[in-house]
């Protein structure tokens, strides 16, 4: 009996919870707490603001996506394929980009309709936004470019991991420690490029 086994339905439930966490996180930002009505206050903050800070939906999405990618890799390996079919990676990328493009178009047309023509004629900036390399039209696209790069190279990453497991883990820990140090020292410069915040 595998109580904790993942499948598509369970990962969809986890994604749904992550979406609720994201709505909570973005709906109740830090502000003047005197406007809040709450039955429970902790250290001068309403309980909901503490719950908001406990939300990490991006981390949940990353774990679920990584699980899905690893499952695809194992399935391809089991089927005797040397790599995950490129069509599978492409469909994963398209499923991410299409809603992003629609949301970006709607947000731009609704929020700043007078700038649409200017944005469509600035081709380098348009390409940077469509690929989410530099998402200035829709700032929530910061996570898309790293996800796309990971999807494109996921086979190679998992093969390296299988071959150099310990070295990969040590490198990963050192990498994240180093990035945390850089992030802390150069936040102002990094914040100018949203994709670097990943």
C-alpha atoms as a PDB file:
ATOM      1  CA  UNK A   1       0.000   0.000   0.000  1.00  0.00           C
ATOM      2  CA  UNK A   2       1.641   3.235  -1.159  1.00  0.00           C
ATOM      3  CA  UNK A   3      -0.063   6.029   0.730  1.00  0.00           C
ATOM      4  CA  UNK A   4       2.408   8.697  -0.368  1.00  0.00           C
ATOM      5  CA  UNK A   5       2.760   7.702  -4.024  1.00  0.00           C
ATOM      6  CA  UNK A   6       2.348  10.614  -6.414  1.00  0.00           C
ATOM      7  CA  UNK A   7       0.156  10.453  -9.472  1.00  0.00           C
ATOM      8  CA  UNK A   8      -1.366  13.071 -11.775  1.00  0.00           C
ATOM      9  CA  UNK A   9      -4.464  13.536  -9.617  1.00  0.00           C
ATOM     10  CA  UNK A  10      -2.458  14.029  -6.428  1.00  0.00           C
ATOM     11  CA  UNK A  11      -0.027  16.423  -8.045  1.00  0.00           C
ATOM     12  CA  UNK A  12      -2.989  18.393  -9.427  1.00  0.00           C
ATOM     13  CA  UNK A  13      -4.362  18.656  -5.886  1.00  0.00           C
ATOM     14  CA  UNK A  14      -0.959  19.862  -4.675  1.00  0.00           C
ATOM     15  CA  UNK A  15      -0.862  22.411  -7.525  1.00  0.00           C
ATOM     16  CA  UNK A  16      -4.355  23.578  -6.505  1.00  0.00           C
ATOM     17  CA  UNK A  17      -3.179  24.127  -2.932  1.00  0.00           C
ATOM     18  CA  UNK A  18      -0.145  26.014  -4.268  1.00  0.00           C
ATOM     19  CA  UNK A  19      -2.445  28.220  -6.364  1.00  0.00           C
ATOM     20  CA  UNK A  20      -4.497  29.014  -3.245  1.00  0.00           C
ATOM     21  CA  UNK A  21      -1.255  29.808  -1.417  1.00  0.00           C
ATOM     22  CA  UNK A  22      -0.246  32.152  -4.253  1.00  0.00           C
ATOM     23  CA  UNK A  23      -3.615  33.932  -4.151  1.00  0.00           C
ATOM     24  CA  UNK A  24      -3.271  34.286  -0.380  1.00  0.00           C
ATOM     25  CA  UNK A  25       0.290  35.556  -0.703  1.00  0.00           C
ATOM     26  CA  UNK A  26      -0.543  38.207  -3.284  1.00  0.00           C
ATOM     27  CA  UNK A  27      -3.885  39.233  -1.783  1.00  0.00           C
ATOM     28  CA  UNK A  28      -2.675  40.003   1.706  1.00  0.00           C
ATOM     29  CA  UNK A  29       0.596  41.839   1.356  1.00  0.00           C
ATOM     30  CA  UNK A  30       2.413  43.479   4.228  1.00  0.00           C
ATOM     31  CA  UNK A  31       0.764  46.780   5.030  1.00  0.00           C
ATOM     32  CA  UNK A  32      -0.649  48.850   7.828  1.00  0.00           C
ATOM     33  CA  UNK A  33      -2.039  46.184  10.166  1.00  0.00           C
ATOM     34  CA  UNK A  34      -4.384  48.668  11.834  1.00  0.00           C
ATOM     35  CA  UNK A  35      -6.766  48.090   8.897  1.00  0.00           C
ATOM     36  CA  UNK A  36      -6.989  44.358   9.601  1.00  0.00           C
ATOM     37  CA  UNK A  37      -9.810  42.766  11.569  1.00  0.00           C
ATOM     38  CA  UNK A  38      -8.522  39.573  13.155  1.00  0.00           C
ATOM     39  CA  UNK A  39      -9.468  37.465  16.141  1.00  0.00           C
ATOM     40  CA  UNK A  40      -5.898  36.263  16.599  1.00  0.00           C
ATOM     41  CA  UNK A  41      -2.896  38.603  16.770  1.00  0.00           C
ATOM     42  CA  UNK A  42       0.696  37.469  17.277  1.00  0.00           C
ATOM     43  CA  UNK A  43       3.418  40.026  18.034  1.00  0.00           C
ATOM     44  CA  UNK A  44       1.265  42.860  16.718  1.00  0.00           C
ATOM     45  CA  UNK A  45       0.447  41.090  13.447  1.00  0.00           C
ATOM     46  CA  UNK A  46      -2.798  39.376  12.468  1.00  0.00           C
ATOM     47  CA  UNK A  47      -2.630  35.589  12.142  1.00  0.00           C
ATOM     48  CA  UNK A  48      -3.325  35.775   8.405  1.00  0.00           C
ATOM     49  CA  UNK A  49      -0.180  37.850   7.788  1.00  0.00           C
ATOM     50  CA  UNK A  50       1.859  35.098   9.468  1.00  0.00           C
ATOM     51  CA  UNK A  51       0.138  32.477   7.303  1.00  0.00           C
ATOM     52  CA  UNK A  52       0.883  34.602   4.240  1.00  0.00           C
ATOM     53  CA  UNK A  53       4.575  34.648   5.085  1.00  0.00           C
ATOM     54  CA  UNK A  54       4.510  30.851   5.514  1.00  0.00           C
ATOM     55  CA  UNK A  55       3.301  30.388   1.926  1.00  0.00           C
ATOM     56  CA  UNK A  56       5.910  29.319  -0.604  1.00  0.00           C
ATOM     57  CA  UNK A  57       3.920  28.372  -3.702  1.00  0.00           C
ATOM     58  CA  UNK A  58       6.889  28.704  -6.064  1.00  0.00           C
ATOM     59  CA  UNK A  59       8.784  26.108  -4.044  1.00  0.00           C
ATOM     60  CA  UNK A  60       5.781  23.752  -4.213  1.00  0.00           C
ATOM     61  CA  UNK A  61       5.509  24.212  -7.996  1.00  0.00           C
ATOM     62  CA  UNK A  62       9.242  23.570  -8.370  1.00  0.00           C
ATOM     63  CA  UNK A  63       9.081  20.310  -6.394  1.00  0.00           C
ATOM     64  CA  UNK A  64       6.000  19.071  -8.277  1.00  0.00           C
ATOM     65  CA  UNK A  65       7.522  20.056 -11.638  1.00  0.00           C
ATOM     66  CA  UNK A  66      10.806  18.364 -10.746  1.00  0.00           C
ATOM     67  CA  UNK A  67       8.922  15.227  -9.753  1.00  0.00           C
ATOM     68  CA  UNK A  68       7.051  15.254 -13.073  1.00  0.00           C
ATOM     69  CA  UNK A  69      10.247  15.741 -15.048  1.00  0.00           C
ATOM     70  CA  UNK A  70      12.000  12.945 -13.159  1.00  0.00           C
ATOM     71  CA  UNK A  71       9.004  10.639 -13.678  1.00  0.00           C
ATOM     72  CA  UNK A  72       9.149  11.383 -17.440  1.00  0.00           C
ATOM     73  CA  UNK A  73      12.873  10.644 -17.426  1.00  0.00           C
ATOM     74  CA  UNK A  74      12.377   7.312 -15.599  1.00  0.00           C
ATOM     75  CA  UNK A  75       9.507   6.352 -17.916  1.00  0.00           C
ATOM     76  CA  UNK A  76      11.638   7.071 -21.007  1.00  0.00           C
ATOM     77  CA  UNK A  77      14.453   5.017 -19.497  1.00  0.00           C
ATOM     78  CA  UNK A  78      12.082   2.138 -18.730  1.00  0.00           C
ATOM     79  CA  UNK A  79      10.747   2.242 -22.306  1.00  0.00           C
ATOM     80  CA  UNK A  80      14.323   1.884 -23.577  1.00  0.00           C
ATOM     81  CA  UNK A  81      14.651   5.442 -24.835  1.00  0.00           C
ATOM     82  CA  UNK A  82      17.927   7.262 -24.287  1.00  0.00           C
ATOM     83  CA  UNK A  83      16.174  10.595 -23.737  1.00  0.00           C
ATOM     84  CA  UNK A  84      12.758  12.009 -22.983  1.00  0.00           C
ATOM     85  CA  UNK A  85      11.043  12.665 -26.305  1.00  0.00           C
ATOM     86  CA  UNK A  86      11.606  16.260 -27.355  1.00  0.00           C
ATOM     87  CA  UNK A  87       7.880  16.507 -28.141  1.00  0.00           C
ATOM     88  CA  UNK A  88       7.123  15.920 -24.468  1.00  0.00           C
ATOM     89  CA  UNK A  89       9.457  18.726 -23.367  1.00  0.00           C
ATOM     90  CA  UNK A  90       8.053  20.992 -26.064  1.00  0.00           C
ATOM     91  CA  UNK A  91       4.447  20.337 -24.997  1.00  0.00           C
ATOM     92  CA  UNK A  92       5.402  21.098 -21.375  1.00  0.00           C
ATOM     93  CA  UNK A  93       6.955  24.418 -22.464  1.00  0.00           C
ATOM     94  CA  UNK A  94       3.976  25.353 -24.659  1.00  0.00           C
ATOM     95  CA  UNK A  95       1.551  24.576 -21.800  1.00  0.00           C
ATOM     96  CA  UNK A  96       3.466  27.100 -19.725  1.00  0.00           C
ATOM     97  CA  UNK A  97       4.007  29.804 -22.353  1.00  0.00           C
ATOM     98  CA  UNK A  98       0.492  30.012 -23.850  1.00  0.00           C
ATOM     99  CA  UNK A  99      -1.269  31.054 -20.592  1.00  0.00           C
ATOM    100  CA  UNK A 100       1.625  33.425 -19.880  1.00  0.00           C
ATOM    101  CA  UNK A 101       1.226  35.069 -23.309  1.00  0.00           C
ATOM    102  CA  UNK A 102      -2.545  35.356 -22.880  1.00  0.00           C
ATOM    103  CA  UNK A 103      -2.200  36.849 -19.382  1.00  0.00           C
ATOM    104  CA  UNK A 104       0.472  39.259 -20.608  1.00  0.00           C
ATOM    105  CA  UNK A 105      -1.643  40.374 -23.554  1.00  0.00           C
ATOM    106  CA  UNK A 106      -4.734  40.877 -21.390  1.00  0.00           C
ATOM    107  CA  UNK A 107      -2.825  42.651 -18.633  1.00  0.00           C
ATOM    108  CA  UNK A 108      -1.121  44.968 -21.128  1.00  0.00           C
ATOM    109  CA  UNK A 109      -4.303  45.741 -23.075  1.00  0.00           C
ATOM    110  CA  UNK A 110      -6.377  46.348 -19.951  1.00  0.00           C
ATOM    111  CA  UNK A 111      -3.851  48.116 -17.741  1.00  0.00           C
ATOM    112  CA  UNK A 112      -2.069  50.228 -20.369  1.00  0.00           C
ATOM    113  CA  UNK A 113      -3.941  50.072 -23.686  1.00  0.00           C
ATOM    114  CA  UNK A 114      -2.262  53.228 -24.959  1.00  0.00           C
ATOM    115  CA  UNK A 115       1.168  51.522 -24.839  1.00  0.00           C
ATOM    116  CA  UNK A 116       0.273  48.390 -26.845  1.00  0.00           C
ATOM    117  CA  UNK A 117       1.347  49.770 -30.250  1.00  0.00           C
ATOM    118  CA  UNK A 118       4.657  51.025 -28.850  1.00  0.00           C
ATOM    119  CA  UNK A 119       5.301  47.647 -27.230  1.00  0.00           C
ATOM    120  CA  UNK A 120       4.546  45.727 -30.417  1.00  0.00           C
ATOM    121  CA  UNK A 121       6.969  47.846 -32.462  1.00  0.00           C
ATOM    122  CA  UNK A 122       9.912  47.481 -30.049  1.00  0.00           C
ATOM    123  CA  UNK A 123      10.931  44.051 -31.406  1.00  0.00           C
ATOM    124  CA  UNK A 124      13.896  43.267 -29.074  1.00  0.00           C
ATOM    125  CA  UNK A 125      11.803  44.110 -25.995  1.00  0.00           C
ATOM    126  CA  UNK A 126       8.849  42.150 -27.403  1.00  0.00           C
ATOM    127  CA  UNK A 127      11.058  39.065 -27.870  1.00  0.00           C
ATOM    128  CA  UNK A 128      12.533  39.495 -24.382  1.00  0.00           C
ATOM    129  CA  UNK A 129       8.999  39.558 -22.967  1.00  0.00           C
ATOM    130  CA  UNK A 130       7.604  36.711 -25.086  1.00  0.00           C
ATOM    131  CA  UNK A 131      10.458  34.448 -24.008  1.00  0.00           C
ATOM    132  CA  UNK A 132      10.265  35.782 -20.415  1.00  0.00           C
ATOM    133  CA  UNK A 133      13.996  36.500 -20.569  1.00  0.00           C
ATOM    134  CA  UNK A 134      13.239  40.022 -19.363  1.00  0.00           C
ATOM    135  CA  UNK A 135       9.520  40.209 -18.491  1.00  0.00           C
ATOM    136  CA  UNK A 136       8.708  43.908 -18.201  1.00  0.00           C
ATOM    137  CA  UNK A 137       5.126  43.643 -19.473  1.00  0.00           C
ATOM    138  CA  UNK A 138       4.160  40.894 -17.014  1.00  0.00           C
ATOM    139  CA  UNK A 139       6.520  40.681 -14.044  1.00  0.00           C
ATOM    140  CA  UNK A 140       5.142  37.337 -12.851  1.00  0.00           C
ATOM    141  CA  UNK A 141       6.917  35.722 -15.785  1.00  0.00           C
ATOM    142  CA  UNK A 142      10.228  35.716 -13.896  1.00  0.00           C
ATOM    143  CA  UNK A 143       9.998  31.963 -13.288  1.00  0.00           C
ATOM    144  CA  UNK A 144       9.307  30.908 -16.895  1.00  0.00           C
ATOM    145  CA  UNK A 145      12.753  31.296 -18.513  1.00  0.00           C
ATOM    146  CA  UNK A 146      14.569  29.154 -15.880  1.00  0.00           C
ATOM    147  CA  UNK A 147      11.819  26.520 -16.124  1.00  0.00           C
ATOM    148  CA  UNK A 148      12.127  26.408 -19.925  1.00  0.00           C
ATOM    149  CA  UNK A 149      15.917  26.037 -19.743  1.00  0.00           C
ATOM    150  CA  UNK A 150      15.525  23.253 -17.182  1.00  0.00           C
ATOM    151  CA  UNK A 151      12.958  21.491 -19.388  1.00  0.00           C
ATOM    152  CA  UNK A 152      15.275  21.657 -22.388  1.00  0.00           C
ATOM    153  CA  UNK A 153      18.258  20.176 -20.542  1.00  0.00           C
ATOM    154  CA  UNK A 154      16.490  17.899 -18.061  1.00  0.00           C
ATOM    155  CA  UNK A 155      17.787  14.655 -19.608  1.00  0.00           C
ATOM    156  CA  UNK A 156      21.362  15.820 -19.367  1.00  0.00           C
ATOM    157  CA  UNK A 157      20.838  17.042 -15.781  1.00  0.00           C
ATOM    158  CA  UNK A 158      19.400  13.692 -14.611  1.00  0.00           C
ATOM    159  CA  UNK A 159      22.119  11.711 -16.418  1.00  0.00           C
ATOM    160  CA  UNK A 160      24.806  13.817 -14.742  1.00  0.00           C
ATOM    161  CA  UNK A 161      23.067  13.364 -11.432  1.00  0.00           C
ATOM    162  CA  UNK A 162      23.005   9.566 -11.813  1.00  0.00           C
ATOM    163  CA  UNK A 163      26.658   9.493 -12.813  1.00  0.00           C
ATOM    164  CA  UNK A 164      28.027  12.013 -10.277  1.00  0.00           C
ATOM    165  CA  UNK A 165      25.455  11.883  -7.483  1.00  0.00           C
ATOM    166  CA  UNK A 166      27.640  12.931  -4.529  1.00  0.00           C
ATOM    167  CA  UNK A 167      29.538  15.591  -6.482  1.00  0.00           C
ATOM    168  CA  UNK A 168      26.219  16.900  -7.824  1.00  0.00           C
ATOM    169  CA  UNK A 169      24.778  17.190  -4.299  1.00  0.00           C
ATOM    170  CA  UNK A 170      27.865  18.951  -2.950  1.00  0.00           C
ATOM    171  CA  UNK A 171      27.940  21.302  -5.944  1.00  0.00           C
ATOM    172  CA  UNK A 172      24.213  22.009  -5.502  1.00  0.00           C
ATOM    173  CA  UNK A 173      24.627  22.892  -1.836  1.00  0.00           C
ATOM    174  CA  UNK A 174      27.649  25.111  -2.541  1.00  0.00           C
ATOM    175  CA  UNK A 175      25.822  26.731  -5.468  1.00  0.00           C
ATOM    176  CA  UNK A 176      22.773  27.608  -3.373  1.00  0.00           C
ATOM    177  CA  UNK A 177      24.934  28.849  -0.510  1.00  0.00           C
ATOM    178  CA  UNK A 178      26.927  31.006  -2.945  1.00  0.00           C
ATOM    179  CA  UNK A 179      23.772  32.352  -4.599  1.00  0.00           C
ATOM    180  CA  UNK A 180      22.327  33.241  -1.184  1.00  0.00           C
ATOM    181  CA  UNK A 181      25.500  35.199  -0.387  1.00  0.00           C
ATOM    182  CA  UNK A 182      25.475  36.985  -3.767  1.00  0.00           C
ATOM    183  CA  UNK A 183      21.751  37.657  -3.462  1.00  0.00           C
ATOM    184  CA  UNK A 184      22.295  39.207  -0.047  1.00  0.00           C
ATOM    185  CA  UNK A 185      25.222  41.396  -1.141  1.00  0.00           C
ATOM    186  CA  UNK A 186      23.972  42.562  -4.539  1.00  0.00           C
ATOM    187  CA  UNK A 187      20.176  42.548  -4.224  1.00  0.00           C
ATOM    188  CA  UNK A 188      19.706  46.054  -5.686  1.00  0.00           C
ATOM    189  CA  UNK A 189      21.563  45.187  -8.886  1.00  0.00           C
ATOM    190  CA  UNK A 190      20.011  41.719  -9.186  1.00  0.00           C
ATOM    191  CA  UNK A 191      16.479  43.085  -8.656  1.00  0.00           C
ATOM    192  CA  UNK A 192      16.786  45.053 -11.902  1.00  0.00           C
ATOM    193  CA  UNK A 193      16.687  41.695 -13.751  1.00  0.00           C
ATOM    194  CA  UNK A 194      13.761  39.631 -12.455  1.00  0.00           C
ATOM    195  CA  UNK A 195      14.965  36.391 -14.042  1.00  0.00           C
ATOM    196  CA  UNK A 196      18.136  36.540 -11.898  1.00  0.00           C
ATOM    197  CA  UNK A 197      16.036  36.443  -8.734  1.00  0.00           C
ATOM    198  CA  UNK A 198      15.232  32.797  -9.456  1.00  0.00           C
END
